[in-house]
Amino acid sequence: LSSAGLRVLLSAQKTMNKQGAMVVRNVNETIGEIFDVTGFCDIL
């Protein structure tokens, strides 16, 4: 997952905040670390 992918996830989260909910499942350790370092673990 790169920063370009994070941008798409953030955009999807903003859309879903308006119309429902978004969940990310089955995150591997590497991507989990990216979420931790970038603060996305607090957003998603």
PDB file of all heavy atoms in Angstrom:
ATOM      1  N   LEU A   1       0.851  -1.184   0.000  1.00  0.00           N
ATOM      2  CA  LEU A   1       0.000   0.000   0.000  1.00  0.00           C
ATOM      3  C   LEU A   1       0.889   1.237   0.000  1.00  0.00           C
ATOM      4  O   LEU A   1       1.740   1.381   0.881  1.00  0.00           O
ATOM      5  CB  LEU A   1      -0.896  -0.012   1.242  1.00  0.00           C
ATOM      6  CG  LEU A   1      -1.811   1.177   1.464  1.00  0.00           C
ATOM      7  CD1 LEU A   1      -2.881   1.234   0.391  1.00  0.00           C
ATOM      8  CD2 LEU A   1      -2.457   1.096   2.840  1.00  0.00           C
ATOM      9  N   SER A   2       0.712   2.105  -0.995  1.00  0.00           N
ATOM     10  CA  SER A   2       1.519   3.321  -1.083  1.00  0.00           C
ATOM     11  C   SER A   2       0.691   4.536  -0.651  1.00  0.00           C
ATOM     12  O   SER A   2      -0.495   4.420  -0.342  1.00  0.00           O
ATOM     13  CB  SER A   2       2.006   3.539  -2.519  1.00  0.00           C
ATOM     14  OG  SER A   2       0.935   4.004  -3.328  1.00  0.00           O
ATOM     15  N   SER A   3       1.319   5.716  -0.675  1.00  0.00           N
ATOM     16  CA  SER A   3       0.614   6.942  -0.317  1.00  0.00           C
ATOM     17  C   SER A   3      -0.542   7.220  -1.277  1.00  0.00           C
ATOM     18  O   SER A   3      -1.565   7.771  -0.871  1.00  0.00           O
ATOM     19  CB  SER A   3       1.581   8.126  -0.287  1.00  0.00           C
ATOM     20  OG  SER A   3       2.199   8.291  -1.545  1.00  0.00           O
ATOM     21  N   ALA A   4      -0.409   6.832  -2.526  1.00  0.00           N
ATOM     22  CA  ALA A   4      -1.508   6.997  -3.483  1.00  0.00           C
ATOM     23  C   ALA A   4      -2.705   6.141  -3.064  1.00  0.00           C
ATOM     24  O   ALA A   4      -3.852   6.568  -3.174  1.00  0.00           O
ATOM     25  CB  ALA A   4      -1.054   6.622  -4.890  1.00  0.00           C
ATOM     26  N   GLY A   5      -2.429   4.948  -2.566  1.00  0.00           N
ATOM     27  CA  GLY A   5      -3.494   4.081  -2.062  1.00  0.00           C
ATOM     28  C   GLY A   5      -4.141   4.661  -0.821  1.00  0.00           C
ATOM     29  O   GLY A   5      -5.368   4.602  -0.655  1.00  0.00           O
ATOM     30  N   LEU A   6      -3.324   5.249   0.067  1.00  0.00           N
ATOM     31  CA  LEU A   6      -3.865   5.884   1.272  1.00  0.00           C
ATOM     32  C   LEU A   6      -4.816   7.024   0.906  1.00  0.00           C
ATOM     33  O   LEU A   6      -5.855   7.201   1.538  1.00  0.00           O
ATOM     34  CB  LEU A   6      -2.726   6.420   2.151  1.00  0.00           C
ATOM     35  CG  LEU A   6      -1.880   5.372   2.865  1.00  0.00           C
ATOM     36  CD1 LEU A   6      -0.680   6.033   3.537  1.00  0.00           C
ATOM     37  CD2 LEU A   6      -2.692   4.591   3.880  1.00  0.00           C
ATOM     38  N   ARG A   7      -4.468   7.776  -0.130  1.00  0.00           N
ATOM     39  CA  ARG A   7      -5.307   8.889  -0.566  1.00  0.00           C
ATOM     40  C   ARG A   7      -6.681   8.370  -1.011  1.00  0.00           C
ATOM     41  O   ARG A   7      -7.717   8.953  -0.677  1.00  0.00           O
ATOM     42  CB  ARG A   7      -4.629   9.646  -1.702  1.00  0.00           C
ATOM     43  CG  ARG A   7      -5.396  10.866  -2.173  1.00  0.00           C
ATOM     44  CD  ARG A   7      -4.738  11.523  -3.372  1.00  0.00           C
ATOM     45  NE  ARG A   7      -4.546  10.615  -4.499  1.00  0.00           N
ATOM     46  CZ  ARG A   7      -5.501  10.204  -5.322  1.00  0.00           C
ATOM     47  NH1 ARG A   7      -6.745  10.607  -5.153  1.00  0.00           N
ATOM     48  NH2 ARG A   7      -5.227   9.392  -6.327  1.00  0.00           N
ATOM     49  N   VAL A   8      -6.698   7.263  -1.744  1.00  0.00           N
ATOM     50  CA  VAL A   8      -7.970   6.680  -2.195  1.00  0.00           C
ATOM     51  C   VAL A   8      -8.788   6.192  -0.999  1.00  0.00           C
ATOM     52  O   VAL A   8     -10.000   6.388  -0.947  1.00  0.00           O
ATOM     53  CB  VAL A   8      -7.730   5.540  -3.207  1.00  0.00           C
ATOM     54  CG1 VAL A   8      -9.033   4.848  -3.580  1.00  0.00           C
ATOM     55  CG2 VAL A   8      -7.041   6.072  -4.454  1.00  0.00           C
ATOM     56  N   LEU A   9      -8.118   5.587  -0.019  1.00  0.00           N
ATOM     57  CA  LEU A   9      -8.826   5.124   1.179  1.00  0.00           C
ATOM     58  C   LEU A   9      -9.427   6.290   1.949  1.00  0.00           C
ATOM     59  O   LEU A   9     -10.558   6.212   2.434  1.00  0.00           O
ATOM     60  CB  LEU A   9      -7.872   4.338   2.090  1.00  0.00           C
ATOM     61  CG  LEU A   9      -7.364   3.004   1.561  1.00  0.00           C
ATOM     62  CD1 LEU A   9      -6.449   2.356   2.591  1.00  0.00           C
ATOM     63  CD2 LEU A   9      -8.502   2.075   1.199  1.00  0.00           C
ATOM     64  N   LEU A  10      -8.683   7.384   2.061  1.00  0.00           N
ATOM     65  CA  LEU A  10      -9.179   8.562   2.765  1.00  0.00           C
ATOM     66  C   LEU A  10     -10.403   9.140   2.057  1.00  0.00           C
ATOM     67  O   LEU A  10     -11.394   9.491   2.693  1.00  0.00           O
ATOM     68  CB  LEU A  10      -8.076   9.615   2.870  1.00  0.00           C
ATOM     69  CG  LEU A  10      -8.415  10.871   3.664  1.00  0.00           C
ATOM     70  CD1 LEU A  10      -8.793  10.528   5.099  1.00  0.00           C
ATOM     71  CD2 LEU A  10      -7.235  11.833   3.645  1.00  0.00           C
ATOM     72  N   SER A  11     -10.356   9.196   0.755  1.00  0.00           N
ATOM     73  CA  SER A  11     -11.483   9.693  -0.029  1.00  0.00           C
ATOM     74  C   SER A  11     -12.710   8.804   0.157  1.00  0.00           C
ATOM     75  O   SER A  11     -13.835   9.299   0.343  1.00  0.00           O
ATOM     76  CB  SER A  11     -11.080   9.759  -1.505  1.00  0.00           C
ATOM     77  OG  SER A  11     -12.161  10.140  -2.297  1.00  0.00           O
ATOM     78  N   ALA A  12     -12.505   7.491   0.128  1.00  0.00           N
ATOM     79  CA  ALA A  12     -13.612   6.546   0.336  1.00  0.00           C
ATOM     80  C   ALA A  12     -14.193   6.697   1.734  1.00  0.00           C
ATOM     81  O   ALA A  12     -15.418   6.664   1.920  1.00  0.00           O
ATOM     82  CB  ALA A  12     -13.137   5.114   0.107  1.00  0.00           C
ATOM     83  N   GLN A  13     -13.317   6.899   2.739  1.00  0.00           N
ATOM     84  CA  GLN A  13     -13.784   7.071   4.117  1.00  0.00           C
ATOM     85  C   GLN A  13     -14.644   8.325   4.235  1.00  0.00           C
ATOM     86  O   GLN A  13     -15.691   8.318   4.878  1.00  0.00           O
ATOM     87  CB  GLN A  13     -12.596   7.148   5.078  1.00  0.00           C
ATOM     88  CG  GLN A  13     -12.994   7.257   6.543  1.00  0.00           C
ATOM     89  CD  GLN A  13     -13.714   6.029   7.056  1.00  0.00           C
ATOM     90  OE1 GLN A  13     -13.141   4.958   7.115  1.00  0.00           O
ATOM     91  NE2 GLN A  13     -14.973   6.169   7.425  1.00  0.00           N
ATOM     92  N   LYS A  14     -14.225   9.406   3.598  1.00  0.00           N
ATOM     93  CA  LYS A  14     -15.009  10.651   3.639  1.00  0.00           C
ATOM     94  C   LYS A  14     -16.380  10.449   3.008  1.00  0.00           C
ATOM     95  O   LYS A  14     -17.393  10.923   3.538  1.00  0.00           O
ATOM     96  CB  LYS A  14     -14.259  11.778   2.921  1.00  0.00           C
ATOM     97  CG  LYS A  14     -13.086  12.301   3.710  1.00  0.00           C
ATOM     98  CD  LYS A  14     -12.382  13.417   2.949  1.00  0.00           C
ATOM     99  CE  LYS A  14     -11.218  13.967   3.730  1.00  0.00           C
ATOM    100  NZ  LYS A  14     -10.515  15.026   2.978  1.00  0.00           N
ATOM    101  N   THR A  15     -16.428   9.758   1.891  1.00  0.00           N
ATOM    102  CA  THR A  15     -17.705   9.474   1.237  1.00  0.00           C
ATOM    103  C   THR A  15     -18.596   8.631   2.136  1.00  0.00           C
ATOM    104  O   THR A  15     -19.780   8.928   2.324  1.00  0.00           O
ATOM    105  CB  THR A  15     -17.477   8.744  -0.102  1.00  0.00           C
ATOM    106  OG1 THR A  15     -16.704   9.584  -0.959  1.00  0.00           O
ATOM    107  CG2 THR A  15     -18.799   8.390  -0.778  1.00  0.00           C
ATOM    108  N   MET A  16     -18.022   7.584   2.719  1.00  0.00           N
ATOM    109  CA  MET A  16     -18.824   6.671   3.539  1.00  0.00           C
ATOM    110  C   MET A  16     -19.230   7.303   4.866  1.00  0.00           C
ATOM    111  O   MET A  16     -20.251   6.909   5.442  1.00  0.00           O
ATOM    112  CB  MET A  16     -18.076   5.356   3.761  1.00  0.00           C
ATOM    113  CG  MET A  16     -17.934   4.513   2.499  1.00  0.00           C
ATOM    114  SD  MET A  16     -19.464   4.281   1.554  1.00  0.00           S
ATOM    115  CE  MET A  16     -20.493   3.436   2.756  1.00  0.00           C
ATOM    116  N   ASN A  17     -18.482   8.278   5.368  1.00  0.00           N
ATOM    117  CA  ASN A  17     -18.902   8.987   6.579  1.00  0.00           C
ATOM    118  C   ASN A  17     -20.251   9.673   6.366  1.00  0.00           C
ATOM    119  O   ASN A  17     -21.029   9.811   7.299  1.00  0.00           O
ATOM    120  CB  ASN A  17     -17.860  10.039   6.983  1.00  0.00           C
ATOM    121  CG  ASN A  17     -16.644   9.436   7.655  1.00  0.00           C
ATOM    122  OD1 ASN A  17     -16.651   8.279   8.067  1.00  0.00           O
ATOM    123  ND2 ASN A  17     -15.587  10.212   7.746  1.00  0.00           N
ATOM    124  N   LYS A  18     -20.534  10.080   5.139  1.00  0.00           N
ATOM    125  CA  LYS A  18     -21.776  10.773   4.818  1.00  0.00           C
ATOM    126  C   LYS A  18     -22.949   9.818   4.609  1.00  0.00           C
ATOM    127  O   LYS A  18     -24.094  10.198   4.788  1.00  0.00           O
ATOM    128  CB  LYS A  18     -21.595  11.616   3.547  1.00  0.00           C
ATOM    129  CG  LYS A  18     -20.593  12.724   3.699  1.00  0.00           C
ATOM    130  CD  LYS A  18     -20.364  13.422   2.381  1.00  0.00           C
ATOM    131  CE  LYS A  18     -19.207  14.407   2.496  1.00  0.00           C
ATOM    132  NZ  LYS A  18     -18.775  14.880   1.181  1.00  0.00           N
ATOM    133  N   GLN A  19     -22.652   8.578   4.201  1.00  0.00           N
ATOM    134  CA  GLN A  19     -23.758   7.693   3.830  1.00  0.00           C
ATOM    135  C   GLN A  19     -23.778   6.366   4.572  1.00  0.00           C
ATOM    136  O   GLN A  19     -24.644   5.537   4.317  1.00  0.00           O
ATOM    137  CB  GLN A  19     -23.751   7.460   2.313  1.00  0.00           C
ATOM    138  CG  GLN A  19     -22.512   6.773   1.773  1.00  0.00           C
ATOM    139  CD  GLN A  19     -22.463   6.827   0.242  1.00  0.00           C
ATOM    140  OE1 GLN A  19     -22.454   7.891  -0.345  1.00  0.00           O
ATOM    141  NE2 GLN A  19     -22.429   5.658  -0.378  1.00  0.00           N
ATOM    142  N   GLY A  20     -22.847   6.152   5.490  1.00  0.00           N
ATOM    143  CA  GLY A  20     -22.845   4.887   6.228  1.00  0.00           C
ATOM    144  C   GLY A  20     -21.529   4.648   6.926  1.00  0.00           C
ATOM    145  O   GLY A  20     -21.044   5.518   7.638  1.00  0.00           O
ATOM    146  N   ALA A  21     -20.932   3.484   6.694  1.00  0.00           N
ATOM    147  CA  ALA A  21     -19.717   3.094   7.392  1.00  0.00           C
ATOM    148  C   ALA A  21     -18.770   2.368   6.445  1.00  0.00           C
ATOM    149  O   ALA A  21     -19.196   1.774   5.456  1.00  0.00           O
ATOM    150  CB  ALA A  21     -20.056   2.184   8.567  1.00  0.00           C
ATOM    151  N   MET A  22     -17.487   2.432   6.791  1.00  0.00           N
ATOM    152  CA  MET A  22     -16.469   1.710   6.029  1.00  0.00           C
ATOM    153  C   MET A  22     -15.596   0.932   7.004  1.00  0.00           C
ATOM    154  O   MET A  22     -15.220   1.450   8.050  1.00  0.00           O
ATOM    155  CB  MET A  22     -15.606   2.707   5.236  1.00  0.00           C
ATOM    156  CG  MET A  22     -14.533   2.033   4.386  1.00  0.00           C
ATOM    157  SD  MET A  22     -13.672   3.222   3.334  1.00  0.00           S
ATOM    158  CE  MET A  22     -12.072   3.241   4.126  1.00  0.00           C
ATOM    159  N   VAL A  23     -15.296  -0.310   6.638  1.00  0.00           N
ATOM    160  CA  VAL A  23     -14.475  -1.186   7.461  1.00  0.00           C
ATOM    161  C   VAL A  23     -13.361  -1.766   6.599  1.00  0.00           C
ATOM    162  O   VAL A  23     -13.603  -2.144   5.446  1.00  0.00           O
ATOM    163  CB  VAL A  23     -15.328  -2.348   8.043  1.00  0.00           C
ATOM    164  CG1 VAL A  23     -14.473  -3.332   8.807  1.00  0.00           C
ATOM    165  CG2 VAL A  23     -16.438  -1.814   8.916  1.00  0.00           C
ATOM    166  N   VAL A  24     -12.155  -1.820   7.155  1.00  0.00           N
ATOM    167  CA  VAL A  24     -11.030  -2.468   6.474  1.00  0.00           C
ATOM    168  C   VAL A  24     -10.723  -3.748   7.245  1.00  0.00           C
ATOM    169  O   VAL A  24     -10.503  -3.718   8.454  1.00  0.00           O
ATOM    170  CB  VAL A  24      -9.788  -1.550   6.435  1.00  0.00           C
ATOM    171  CG1 VAL A  24      -8.645  -2.234   5.698  1.00  0.00           C
ATOM    172  CG2 VAL A  24     -10.125  -0.213   5.777  1.00  0.00           C
ATOM    173  N   ARG A  25     -10.726  -4.883   6.540  1.00  0.00           N
ATOM    174  CA  ARG A  25     -10.522  -6.183   7.195  1.00  0.00           C
ATOM    175  C   ARG A  25      -9.275  -6.881   6.674  1.00  0.00           C
ATOM    176  O   ARG A  25      -8.834  -6.641   5.556  1.00  0.00           O
ATOM    177  CB  ARG A  25     -11.721  -7.096   6.929  1.00  0.00           C
ATOM    178  CG  ARG A  25     -12.963  -6.659   7.642  1.00  0.00           C
ATOM    179  CD  ARG A  25     -14.044  -7.718   7.569  1.00  0.00           C
ATOM    180  NE  ARG A  25     -15.221  -7.238   8.297  1.00  0.00           N
ATOM    181  CZ  ARG A  25     -16.463  -7.420   7.905  1.00  0.00           C
ATOM    182  NH1 ARG A  25     -16.717  -8.108   6.818  1.00  0.00           N
ATOM    183  NH2 ARG A  25     -17.454  -6.944   8.608  1.00  0.00           N
ATOM    184  N   ASN A  26      -8.752  -7.793   7.490  1.00  0.00           N
ATOM    185  CA  ASN A  26      -7.668  -8.704   7.105  1.00  0.00           C
ATOM    186  C   ASN A  26      -6.408  -7.956   6.671  1.00  0.00           C
ATOM    187  O   ASN A  26      -5.819  -8.250   5.640  1.00  0.00           O
ATOM    188  CB  ASN A  26      -8.124  -9.671   6.000  1.00  0.00           C
ATOM    189  CG  ASN A  26      -9.351 -10.448   6.406  1.00  0.00           C
ATOM    190  OD1 ASN A  26      -9.417 -10.978   7.510  1.00  0.00           O
ATOM    191  ND2 ASN A  26     -10.336 -10.510   5.533  1.00  0.00           N
ATOM    192  N   VAL A  27      -6.006  -6.982   7.484  1.00  0.00           N
ATOM    193  CA  VAL A  27      -4.810  -6.184   7.197  1.00  0.00           C
ATOM    194  C   VAL A  27      -3.580  -6.948   7.657  1.00  0.00           C
ATOM    195  O   VAL A  27      -3.521  -7.405   8.806  1.00  0.00           O
ATOM    196  CB  VAL A  27      -4.900  -4.825   7.924  1.00  0.00           C
ATOM    197  CG1 VAL A  27      -3.633  -4.020   7.741  1.00  0.00           C
ATOM    198  CG2 VAL A  27      -6.117  -4.048   7.440  1.00  0.00           C
ATOM    199  N   ASN A  28      -2.597  -7.093   6.760  1.00  0.00           N
ATOM    200  CA  ASN A  28      -1.370  -7.782   7.163  1.00  0.00           C
ATOM    201  C   ASN A  28      -0.488  -6.861   8.013  1.00  0.00           C
ATOM    202  O   ASN A  28      -0.774  -5.674   8.166  1.00  0.00           O
ATOM    203  CB  ASN A  28      -0.624  -8.351   5.951  1.00  0.00           C
ATOM    204  CG  ASN A  28      -0.013  -7.282   5.060  1.00  0.00           C
ATOM    205  OD1 ASN A  28       0.354  -6.192   5.493  1.00  0.00           O
ATOM    206  ND2 ASN A  28       0.099  -7.593   3.778  1.00  0.00           N
ATOM    207  N   GLU A  29       0.579  -7.418   8.560  1.00  0.00           N
ATOM    208  CA  GLU A  29       1.430  -6.675   9.492  1.00  0.00           C
ATOM    209  C   GLU A  29       2.070  -5.452   8.838  1.00  0.00           C
ATOM    210  O   GLU A  29       2.119  -4.369   9.435  1.00  0.00           O
ATOM    211  CB  GLU A  29       2.518  -7.613  10.033  1.00  0.00           C
ATOM    212  CG  GLU A  29       3.334  -6.994  11.135  1.00  0.00           C
ATOM    213  CD  GLU A  29       4.357  -7.974  11.701  1.00  0.00           C
ATOM    214  OE1 GLU A  29       4.120  -9.199  11.652  1.00  0.00           O
ATOM    215  OE2 GLU A  29       5.393  -7.495  12.177  1.00  0.00           O
ATOM    216  N   THR A  30       2.526  -5.597   7.622  1.00  0.00           N
ATOM    217  CA  THR A  30       3.192  -4.494   6.924  1.00  0.00           C
ATOM    218  C   THR A  30       2.236  -3.325   6.698  1.00  0.00           C
ATOM    219  O   THR A  30       2.580  -2.170   6.977  1.00  0.00           O
ATOM    220  CB  THR A  30       3.752  -4.972   5.559  1.00  0.00           C
ATOM    221  OG1 THR A  30       4.628  -6.074   5.801  1.00  0.00           O
ATOM    222  CG2 THR A  30       4.496  -3.872   4.852  1.00  0.00           C
ATOM    223  N   ILE A  31       1.057  -3.609   6.204  1.00  0.00           N
ATOM    224  CA  ILE A  31       0.077  -2.549   5.964  1.00  0.00           C
ATOM    225  C   ILE A  31      -0.425  -1.985   7.292  1.00  0.00           C
ATOM    226  O   ILE A  31      -0.657  -0.784   7.412  1.00  0.00           O
ATOM    227  CB  ILE A  31      -1.068  -3.058   5.065  1.00  0.00           C
ATOM    228  CG1 ILE A  31      -0.503  -3.357   3.662  1.00  0.00           C
ATOM    229  CG2 ILE A  31      -2.208  -2.046   4.983  1.00  0.00           C
ATOM    230  CD1 ILE A  31      -1.458  -4.025   2.712  1.00  0.00           C
ATOM    231  N   GLY A  32      -0.543  -2.823   8.298  1.00  0.00           N
ATOM    232  CA  GLY A  32      -0.911  -2.349   9.638  1.00  0.00           C
ATOM    233  C   GLY A  32       0.091  -1.341  10.168  1.00  0.00           C
ATOM    234  O   GLY A  32      -0.287  -0.333  10.772  1.00  0.00           O
ATOM    235  N   GLU A  33       1.371  -1.589   9.932  1.00  0.00           N
ATOM    236  CA  GLU A  33       2.415  -0.641  10.349  1.00  0.00           C
ATOM    237  C   GLU A  33       2.278   0.680   9.599  1.00  0.00           C
ATOM    238  O   GLU A  33       2.468   1.755  10.188  1.00  0.00           O
ATOM    239  CB  GLU A  33       3.800  -1.235  10.111  1.00  0.00           C
ATOM    240  CG  GLU A  33       4.175  -2.319  11.102  1.00  0.00           C
ATOM    241  CD  GLU A  33       5.547  -2.933  10.809  1.00  0.00           C
ATOM    242  OE1 GLU A  33       6.342  -2.327  10.065  1.00  0.00           O
ATOM    243  OE2 GLU A  33       5.798  -4.019  11.351  1.00  0.00           O
ATOM    244  N   ILE A  34       1.958   0.615   8.313  1.00  0.00           N
ATOM    245  CA  ILE A  34       1.747   1.843   7.526  1.00  0.00           C
ATOM    246  C   ILE A  34       0.588   2.637   8.123  1.00  0.00           C
ATOM    247  O   ILE A  34       0.685   3.860   8.290  1.00  0.00           O
ATOM    248  CB  ILE A  34       1.486   1.510   6.041  1.00  0.00           C
ATOM    249  CG1 ILE A  34       2.756   0.932   5.410  1.00  0.00           C
ATOM    250  CG2 ILE A  34       0.995   2.738   5.273  1.00  0.00           C
ATOM    251  CD1 ILE A  34       2.554   0.312   4.044  1.00  0.00           C
ATOM    252  N   PHE A  35      -0.499   1.959   8.477  1.00  0.00           N
ATOM    253  CA  PHE A  35      -1.639   2.637   9.094  1.00  0.00           C
ATOM    254  C   PHE A  35      -1.245   3.274  10.423  1.00  0.00           C
ATOM    255  O   PHE A  35      -1.683   4.379  10.741  1.00  0.00           O
ATOM    256  CB  PHE A  35      -2.806   1.664   9.300  1.00  0.00           C
ATOM    257  CG  PHE A  35      -3.542   1.295   8.035  1.00  0.00           C
ATOM    258  CD1 PHE A  35      -4.291   0.135   7.990  1.00  0.00           C
ATOM    259  CD2 PHE A  35      -3.513   2.088   6.904  1.00  0.00           C
ATOM    260  CE1 PHE A  35      -5.000  -0.218   6.844  1.00  0.00           C
ATOM    261  CE2 PHE A  35      -4.205   1.741   5.746  1.00  0.00           C
ATOM    262  CZ  PHE A  35      -4.956   0.588   5.720  1.00  0.00           C
ATOM    263  N   ASP A  36      -0.414   2.582  11.218  1.00  0.00           N
ATOM    264  CA  ASP A  36       0.033   3.122  12.505  1.00  0.00           C
ATOM    265  C   ASP A  36       0.899   4.369  12.322  1.00  0.00           C
ATOM    266  O   ASP A  36       0.671   5.394  12.959  1.00  0.00           O
ATOM    267  CB  ASP A  36       0.818   2.064  13.294  1.00  0.00           C
ATOM    268  CG  ASP A  36      -0.080   0.987  13.880  1.00  0.00           C
ATOM    269  OD1 ASP A  36      -1.300   1.234  14.026  1.00  0.00           O
ATOM    270  OD2 ASP A  36       0.433  -0.103  14.177  1.00  0.00           O
ATOM    271  N   VAL A  37       1.887   4.276  11.448  1.00  0.00           N
ATOM    272  CA  VAL A  37       2.840   5.370  11.251  1.00  0.00           C
ATOM    273  C   VAL A  37       2.153   6.617  10.681  1.00  0.00           C
ATOM    274  O   VAL A  37       2.484   7.742  11.056  1.00  0.00           O
ATOM    275  CB  VAL A  37       4.000   4.913  10.323  1.00  0.00           C
ATOM    276  CG1 VAL A  37       4.863   6.077   9.883  1.00  0.00           C
ATOM    277  CG2 VAL A  37       4.836   3.865  11.023  1.00  0.00           C
ATOM    278  N   THR A  38       1.196   6.410   9.774  1.00  0.00           N
ATOM    279  CA  THR A  38       0.528   7.542   9.122  1.00  0.00           C
ATOM    280  C   THR A  38      -0.645   8.091   9.928  1.00  0.00           C
ATOM    281  O   THR A  38      -1.183   9.142   9.584  1.00  0.00           O
ATOM    282  CB  THR A  38       0.007   7.137   7.729  1.00  0.00           C
ATOM    283  OG1 THR A  38      -0.910   6.050   7.882  1.00  0.00           O
ATOM    284  CG2 THR A  38       1.145   6.749   6.811  1.00  0.00           C
ATOM    285  N   GLY A  39      -1.051   7.367  10.977  1.00  0.00           N
ATOM    286  CA  GLY A  39      -2.202   7.797  11.767  1.00  0.00           C
ATOM    287  C   GLY A  39      -3.528   7.326  11.192  1.00  0.00           C
ATOM    288  O   GLY A  39      -4.595   7.674  11.721  1.00  0.00           O
ATOM    289  N   PHE A  40      -3.494   6.561  10.114  1.00  0.00           N
ATOM    290  CA  PHE A  40      -4.728   6.063   9.504  1.00  0.00           C
ATOM    291  C   PHE A  40      -5.465   5.100  10.430  1.00  0.00           C
ATOM    292  O   PHE A  40      -6.663   4.918  10.287  1.00  0.00           O
ATOM    293  CB  PHE A  40      -4.434   5.405   8.148  1.00  0.00           C
ATOM    294  CG  PHE A  40      -4.509   6.355   6.991  1.00  0.00           C
ATOM    295  CD1 PHE A  40      -3.604   7.384   6.873  1.00  0.00           C
ATOM    296  CD2 PHE A  40      -5.498   6.225   6.029  1.00  0.00           C
ATOM    297  CE1 PHE A  40      -3.660   8.285   5.817  1.00  0.00           C
ATOM    298  CE2 PHE A  40      -5.568   7.105   4.954  1.00  0.00           C
ATOM    299  CZ  PHE A  40      -4.658   8.142   4.856  1.00  0.00           C
ATOM    300  N   CYS A  41      -4.742   4.515  11.387  1.00  0.00           N
ATOM    301  CA  CYS A  41      -5.403   3.614  12.338  1.00  0.00           C
ATOM    302  C   CYS A  41      -6.428   4.384  13.189  1.00  0.00           C
ATOM    303  O   CYS A  41      -7.361   3.786  13.707  1.00  0.00           O
ATOM    304  CB  CYS A  41      -4.378   2.904  13.211  1.00  0.00           C
ATOM    305  SG  CYS A  41      -3.300   4.016  14.102  1.00  0.00           S
ATOM    306  N   ASP A  42      -6.265   5.708  13.285  1.00  0.00           N
ATOM    307  CA  ASP A  42      -7.220   6.536  14.020  1.00  0.00           C
ATOM    308  C   ASP A  42      -8.383   6.994  13.151  1.00  0.00           C
ATOM    309  O   ASP A  42      -9.401   7.429  13.645  1.00  0.00           O
ATOM    310  CB  ASP A  42      -6.518   7.764  14.612  1.00  0.00           C
ATOM    311  CG  ASP A  42      -5.430   7.375  15.593  1.00  0.00           C
ATOM    312  OD1 ASP A  42      -5.598   6.364  16.307  1.00  0.00           O
ATOM    313  OD2 ASP A  42      -4.409   8.081  15.649  1.00  0.00           O
ATOM    314  N   ILE A  43      -8.203   6.933  11.833  1.00  0.00           N
ATOM    315  CA  ILE A  43      -9.220   7.411  10.885  1.00  0.00           C
ATOM    316  C   ILE A  43     -10.116   6.269  10.427  1.00  0.00           C
ATOM    317  O   ILE A  43     -11.317   6.418  10.293  1.00  0.00           O
ATOM    318  CB  ILE A  43      -8.536   8.064   9.657  1.00  0.00           C
ATOM    319  CG1 ILE A  43      -7.706   9.270  10.097  1.00  0.00           C
ATOM    320  CG2 ILE A  43      -9.566   8.458   8.607  1.00  0.00           C
ATOM    321  CD1 ILE A  43      -6.794   9.802   9.003  1.00  0.00           C
ATOM    322  N   LEU A  44      -9.499   5.117  10.164  1.00  0.00           N
ATOM    323  CA  LEU A  44     -10.216   3.970   9.598  1.00  0.00           C
ATOM    324  C   LEU A  44     -10.697   3.028  10.689  1.00  0.00           C
ATOM    325  O   LEU A  44     -10.089   2.944  11.757  1.00  0.00           O
ATOM    326  CB  LEU A  44      -9.296   3.193   8.660  1.00  0.00           C
ATOM    327  CG  LEU A  44      -8.670   3.950   7.494  1.00  0.00           C
ATOM    328  CD1 LEU A  44      -7.689   3.059   6.752  1.00  0.00           C
ATOM    329  CD2 LEU A  44      -9.719   4.490   6.545  1.00  0.00           C
TER     330      LEU A  44
END
